[in-house]
Amino acid sequence: MEIIVAVDENYGIGKDGDLLAHLSPDLKRLKAMTVGNIIVMGSKTYMSFPKRPLPDRENLIITHHPETIPELSALPV
């Protein structure tokens, strides 16, 4: 298992429901590393993507409210 996360100098991973920065090389690397694999995320991250589910990967969403994501099988916690 590998975990991919981009953090700032204070280990922040996002602000106001968005990425801290939209860096094309980072997003391309994320795609290259996850295509053909399973990608695990929370429901807020999933809902932030303009195109859902992310194509060419198994999208696994961890949520307390699986009914809010009817297009996928969600894993309740």
C-alpha atoms as a PDB file:
ATOM      1  CA  MET A   1       0.000   0.000   0.000  1.00  0.00           C
ATOM      2  CA  GLU A   2       1.210   3.484  -0.819  1.00  0.00           C
ATOM      3  CA  ILE A   3      -0.164   6.776   0.422  1.00  0.00           C
ATOM      4  CA  ILE A   4       0.155   9.867  -1.752  1.00  0.00           C
ATOM      5  CA  VAL A   5      -0.394  13.239  -0.109  1.00  0.00           C
ATOM      6  CA  ALA A   6       0.780  16.770  -0.806  1.00  0.00           C
ATOM      7  CA  VAL A   7       1.315  18.900   2.303  1.00  0.00           C
ATOM      8  CA  ASP A   8       2.430  22.432   3.063  1.00  0.00           C
ATOM      9  CA  GLU A   9       5.114  23.403   5.578  1.00  0.00           C
ATOM     10  CA  ASN A  10       2.570  22.967   8.410  1.00  0.00           C
ATOM     11  CA  TYR A  11       1.417  19.554   7.102  1.00  0.00           C
ATOM     12  CA  GLY A  12      -1.843  21.058   5.852  1.00  0.00           C
ATOM     13  CA  ILE A  13      -3.496  19.151   3.005  1.00  0.00           C
ATOM     14  CA  GLY A  14      -6.237  21.558   1.954  1.00  0.00           C
ATOM     15  CA  LYS A  15      -8.162  24.697   2.740  1.00  0.00           C
ATOM     16  CA  ASP A  16     -11.845  25.540   2.371  1.00  0.00           C
ATOM     17  CA  GLY A  17     -12.561  22.252   0.598  1.00  0.00           C
ATOM     18  CA  ASP A  18      -9.876  22.722  -2.047  1.00  0.00           C
ATOM     19  CA  LEU A  19      -6.270  21.809  -2.680  1.00  0.00           C
ATOM     20  CA  LEU A  20      -3.640  24.158  -1.301  1.00  0.00           C
ATOM     21  CA  ALA A  21      -2.272  24.527  -4.834  1.00  0.00           C
ATOM     22  CA  HIS A  22      -3.146  23.167  -8.276  1.00  0.00           C
ATOM     23  CA  LEU A  23       0.223  22.054  -9.611  1.00  0.00           C
ATOM     24  CA  SER A  24      -0.043  20.365 -12.991  1.00  0.00           C
ATOM     25  CA  PRO A  25       3.048  18.147 -12.510  1.00  0.00           C
ATOM     26  CA  ASP A  26       1.681  16.896  -9.172  1.00  0.00           C
ATOM     27  CA  LEU A  27      -1.750  16.126 -10.631  1.00  0.00           C
ATOM     28  CA  LYS A  28      -0.177  14.322 -13.601  1.00  0.00           C
ATOM     29  CA  ARG A  29       1.971  12.249 -11.235  1.00  0.00           C
ATOM     30  CA  LEU A  30      -1.079  11.364  -9.135  1.00  0.00           C
ATOM     31  CA  LYS A  31      -2.854  10.179 -12.279  1.00  0.00           C
ATOM     32  CA  ALA A  32       0.154   8.156 -13.454  1.00  0.00           C
ATOM     33  CA  MET A  33       0.460   6.477 -10.056  1.00  0.00           C
ATOM     34  CA  THR A  34      -3.240   5.683  -9.622  1.00  0.00           C
ATOM     35  CA  VAL A  35      -4.486   4.654 -13.090  1.00  0.00           C
ATOM     36  CA  GLY A  36      -5.159   0.923 -13.017  1.00  0.00           C
ATOM     37  CA  ASN A  37      -5.161   0.865  -9.226  1.00  0.00           C
ATOM     38  CA  ILE A  38      -7.492   1.480  -6.319  1.00  0.00           C
ATOM     39  CA  ILE A  39      -7.747   5.055  -5.068  1.00  0.00           C
ATOM     40  CA  VAL A  40      -9.173   5.612  -1.576  1.00  0.00           C
ATOM     41  CA  MET A  41     -10.645   8.945  -0.527  1.00  0.00           C
ATOM     42  CA  GLY A  42     -13.241  10.554   1.664  1.00  0.00           C
ATOM     43  CA  SER A  43     -16.573  11.741   0.316  1.00  0.00           C
ATOM     44  CA  LYS A  44     -15.632  15.439   0.344  1.00  0.00           C
ATOM     45  CA  THR A  45     -12.570  14.742  -1.787  1.00  0.00           C
ATOM     46  CA  TYR A  46     -14.636  12.608  -4.148  1.00  0.00           C
ATOM     47  CA  MET A  47     -17.319  15.276  -4.515  1.00  0.00           C
ATOM     48  CA  SER A  48     -14.654  17.915  -5.239  1.00  0.00           C
ATOM     49  CA  PHE A  49     -13.684  16.232  -8.526  1.00  0.00           C
ATOM     50  CA  PRO A  50     -15.353  17.748 -11.594  1.00  0.00           C
ATOM     51  CA  LYS A  51     -15.405  14.327 -13.309  1.00  0.00           C
ATOM     52  CA  ARG A  52     -16.593  11.479 -11.101  1.00  0.00           C
ATOM     53  CA  PRO A  53     -15.613   8.753 -10.646  1.00  0.00           C
ATOM     54  CA  LEU A  54     -11.971   9.171 -11.574  1.00  0.00           C
ATOM     55  CA  PRO A  55     -11.610   7.175 -14.790  1.00  0.00           C
ATOM     56  CA  ASP A  56      -9.500   4.046 -15.172  1.00  0.00           C
ATOM     57  CA  ARG A  57      -9.209   3.362 -11.430  1.00  0.00           C
ATOM     58  CA  GLU A  58     -11.298   1.759  -8.744  1.00  0.00           C
ATOM     59  CA  ASN A  59     -12.677   4.638  -6.661  1.00  0.00           C
ATOM     60  CA  LEU A  60     -13.194   3.599  -3.024  1.00  0.00           C
ATOM     61  CA  ILE A  61     -15.039   6.222  -0.991  1.00  0.00           C
ATOM     62  CA  ILE A  62     -14.980   6.116   2.808  1.00  0.00           C
ATOM     63  CA  THR A  63     -18.026   7.859   4.254  1.00  0.00           C
ATOM     64  CA  HIS A  64     -20.469   7.953   7.141  1.00  0.00           C
ATOM     65  CA  HIS A  65     -23.255   8.635   4.605  1.00  0.00           C
ATOM     66  CA  PRO A  66     -23.032   6.184   1.667  1.00  0.00           C
ATOM     67  CA  GLU A  67     -26.505   7.208   0.501  1.00  0.00           C
ATOM     68  CA  THR A  68     -25.035  10.549  -0.616  1.00  0.00           C
ATOM     69  CA  ILE A  69     -23.005   8.808  -3.336  1.00  0.00           C
ATOM     70  CA  PRO A  70     -25.567   6.668  -5.169  1.00  0.00           C
ATOM     71  CA  GLU A  71     -23.430   6.182  -8.292  1.00  0.00           C
ATOM     72  CA  LEU A  72     -20.840   4.145  -6.387  1.00  0.00           C
ATOM     73  CA  SER A  73     -20.612   1.395  -3.880  1.00  0.00           C
ATOM     74  CA  ALA A  74     -19.515   3.285  -0.781  1.00  0.00           C
ATOM     75  CA  LEU A  75     -17.810   1.804   2.248  1.00  0.00           C
ATOM     76  CA  PRO A  76     -19.572   2.993   5.405  1.00  0.00           C
ATOM     77  CA  VAL A  77     -17.437   3.675   8.482  1.00  0.00           C
END
